[in-house]
């Protein structure tokens, strides 16, 4: 199963790095960049917890079910792709700073949240005593 989750994890890591690149290109290294990045990381953690806790009612899980559930969220993928397309069309839009801040925030929170959810899903689900089958 690592042949499937590995590339998905690599995609979401590279999406997180590209999101940071988006913010860096739009804001350079500034106070606004740091504030938006901090809010993006915090909301990404909340997003990961929300997605992983959808599985809390199960008593037994297949070992990679939570990983696959988080890594293959269609909403997250579509939001990230929409942010990337908007970033490449940013020169055509009138309010570059505001739209740039929004796409940086959304892309960072979705990509970081998905990466965080893939790596920490068992820690988030540990209070619910779910048994994992190999």
Protein backbone atom coordinates (compact mmCIF):
# COMPACT_ATOMS: atom_id res chain seq x y z
CA UNK A 1 0.00 0.00 0.00
CA UNK A 2 3.01 2.24 0.40
CA UNK A 3 3.20 2.39 -3.39
CA UNK A 4 -0.05 4.36 -3.35
CA UNK A 5 0.31 6.42 -0.18
CA UNK A 6 3.94 7.32 -0.89
CA UNK A 7 3.23 9.25 -4.09
CA UNK A 8 0.16 10.86 -2.53
CA UNK A 9 2.23 12.00 0.45
CA UNK A 10 4.93 13.27 -1.91
CA UNK A 11 2.28 15.18 -3.87
CA UNK A 12 0.90 16.85 -0.73
CA UNK A 13 4.41 17.69 0.54
CA UNK A 14 5.25 19.30 -2.79
CA UNK A 15 1.89 21.09 -2.70
CA UNK A 16 2.80 22.52 0.71
CA UNK A 17 6.16 23.69 -0.60
CA UNK A 18 4.51 25.22 -3.66
CA UNK A 19 2.00 26.99 -1.41
CA UNK A 20 4.85 28.52 0.55
CA UNK A 21 6.41 29.52 -2.77
CA UNK A 22 3.14 31.24 -3.76
CA UNK A 23 3.18 33.29 -0.57
CA UNK A 24 6.85 34.09 -0.93
CA UNK A 25 6.42 35.31 -4.52
CA UNK A 26 3.44 37.47 -3.63
CA UNK A 27 4.59 38.94 -0.29
CA UNK A 28 8.35 38.27 -0.11
CA UNK A 29 9.45 37.54 3.44
CA UNK A 30 7.37 39.99 5.41
CA UNK A 31 5.13 40.28 8.42
CA UNK A 32 2.03 39.67 6.31
CA UNK A 33 3.57 36.49 4.88
CA UNK A 34 4.28 35.20 8.39
CA UNK A 35 0.82 36.00 9.71
CA UNK A 36 -1.00 34.38 6.79
CA UNK A 37 1.31 31.34 6.97
CA UNK A 38 0.65 30.98 10.71
CA UNK A 39 -3.12 31.14 10.20
CA UNK A 40 -2.81 28.71 7.29
CA UNK A 41 -0.93 26.17 9.41
CA UNK A 42 -3.37 26.50 12.31
CA UNK A 43 -6.42 26.11 10.09
CA UNK A 44 -4.69 23.23 8.29
CA UNK A 45 -4.37 21.40 11.59
CA UNK A 46 -8.08 21.98 12.28
CA UNK A 47 -8.90 20.75 8.78
CA UNK A 48 -6.84 17.58 9.32
CA UNK A 49 -8.54 16.91 12.63
CA UNK A 50 -11.99 17.40 11.09
CA UNK A 51 -11.25 15.03 8.22
CA UNK A 52 -9.67 12.34 10.39
CA UNK A 53 -12.42 12.50 13.02
CA UNK A 54 -14.94 11.43 10.39
CA UNK A 55 -13.62 7.93 11.09
CA UNK A 56 -13.97 8.05 14.89
CA UNK A 57 -17.15 5.93 15.08
CA UNK A 58 -15.51 2.83 13.65
CA UNK A 59 -14.40 0.16 16.09
CA UNK A 60 -11.93 -1.53 13.74
CA UNK A 61 -10.07 -0.17 10.74
CA UNK A 62 -7.90 -1.50 8.02
CA UNK A 63 -4.35 -0.22 8.58
CA UNK A 64 -4.24 2.34 5.76
CA UNK A 65 -7.90 3.37 5.66
CA UNK A 66 -7.36 6.65 7.52
CA UNK A 67 -4.33 7.48 5.37
CA UNK A 68 -6.28 6.89 2.18
CA UNK A 69 -9.31 8.75 3.51
CA UNK A 70 -7.23 11.86 4.20
CA UNK A 71 -4.94 11.67 1.15
CA UNK A 72 -7.71 11.27 -1.40
CA UNK A 73 -10.08 14.04 -0.31
CA UNK A 74 -11.60 15.34 -3.51
CA UNK A 75 -12.43 18.74 -2.01
CA UNK A 76 -8.84 19.30 -0.93
CA UNK A 77 -7.47 18.35 -4.33
CA UNK A 78 -9.94 20.59 -6.19
CA UNK A 79 -9.27 23.55 -3.88
CA UNK A 80 -5.53 23.22 -4.35
CA UNK A 81 -5.80 22.94 -8.14
CA UNK A 82 -8.12 25.98 -8.21
CA UNK A 83 -5.58 27.95 -6.17
CA UNK A 84 -2.75 26.96 -8.50
CA UNK A 85 -4.74 27.95 -11.60
CA UNK A 86 -5.67 31.26 -9.96
CA UNK A 87 -2.03 31.86 -9.07
CA UNK A 88 -0.98 31.44 -12.70
CA UNK A 89 -3.80 33.77 -13.82
CA UNK A 90 -3.02 36.29 -11.07
CA UNK A 91 -1.47 38.81 -13.47
CA UNK A 92 -4.80 39.11 -15.24
CA UNK A 93 -6.77 39.86 -12.06
CA UNK A 94 -7.28 43.42 -10.74
CA UNK A 95 -6.71 43.00 -6.97
CA UNK A 96 -3.48 40.98 -6.89
CA UNK A 97 -2.62 41.39 -3.20
CA UNK A 98 -6.01 40.43 -1.82
CA UNK A 99 -6.54 37.50 -4.17
CA UNK A 100 -2.93 36.45 -3.64
CA UNK A 101 -3.43 36.40 0.12
CA UNK A 102 -6.58 34.31 -0.23
CA UNK A 103 -5.02 31.74 -2.56
CA UNK A 104 -1.90 31.53 -0.38
CA UNK A 105 -4.02 30.95 2.73
CA UNK A 106 -6.33 28.38 1.13
CA UNK A 107 -3.59 26.44 -0.64
CA UNK A 108 -1.35 26.34 2.44
CA UNK A 109 -4.11 25.31 4.83
CA UNK A 110 -5.41 22.56 2.52
CA UNK A 111 -2.02 21.15 1.56
CA UNK A 112 -0.50 21.35 5.05
CA UNK A 113 -3.68 19.98 6.62
CA UNK A 114 -3.74 17.01 4.30
CA UNK A 115 -0.05 16.26 4.91
CA UNK A 116 -0.57 16.61 8.66
CA UNK A 117 -3.60 14.34 8.54
CA UNK A 118 -1.74 11.63 6.64
CA UNK A 119 1.16 11.64 9.08
CA UNK A 120 -0.77 12.03 12.35
CA UNK A 121 -4.08 10.27 11.83
CA UNK A 122 -3.37 7.50 14.34
CA UNK A 123 -2.42 10.09 16.96
CA UNK A 124 -5.66 12.01 16.35
CA UNK A 125 -7.73 8.82 16.55
CA UNK A 126 -5.91 7.34 19.57
CA UNK A 127 -8.48 8.51 22.21
CA UNK A 128 -11.21 6.50 20.43
CA UNK A 129 -9.53 3.08 20.93
CA UNK A 130 -9.80 1.97 17.33
CA UNK A 131 -8.17 -1.38 16.52
CA UNK A 132 -6.09 -1.49 13.34
CA UNK A 133 -5.95 -4.65 11.26
CA UNK A 134 -2.84 -5.26 9.12
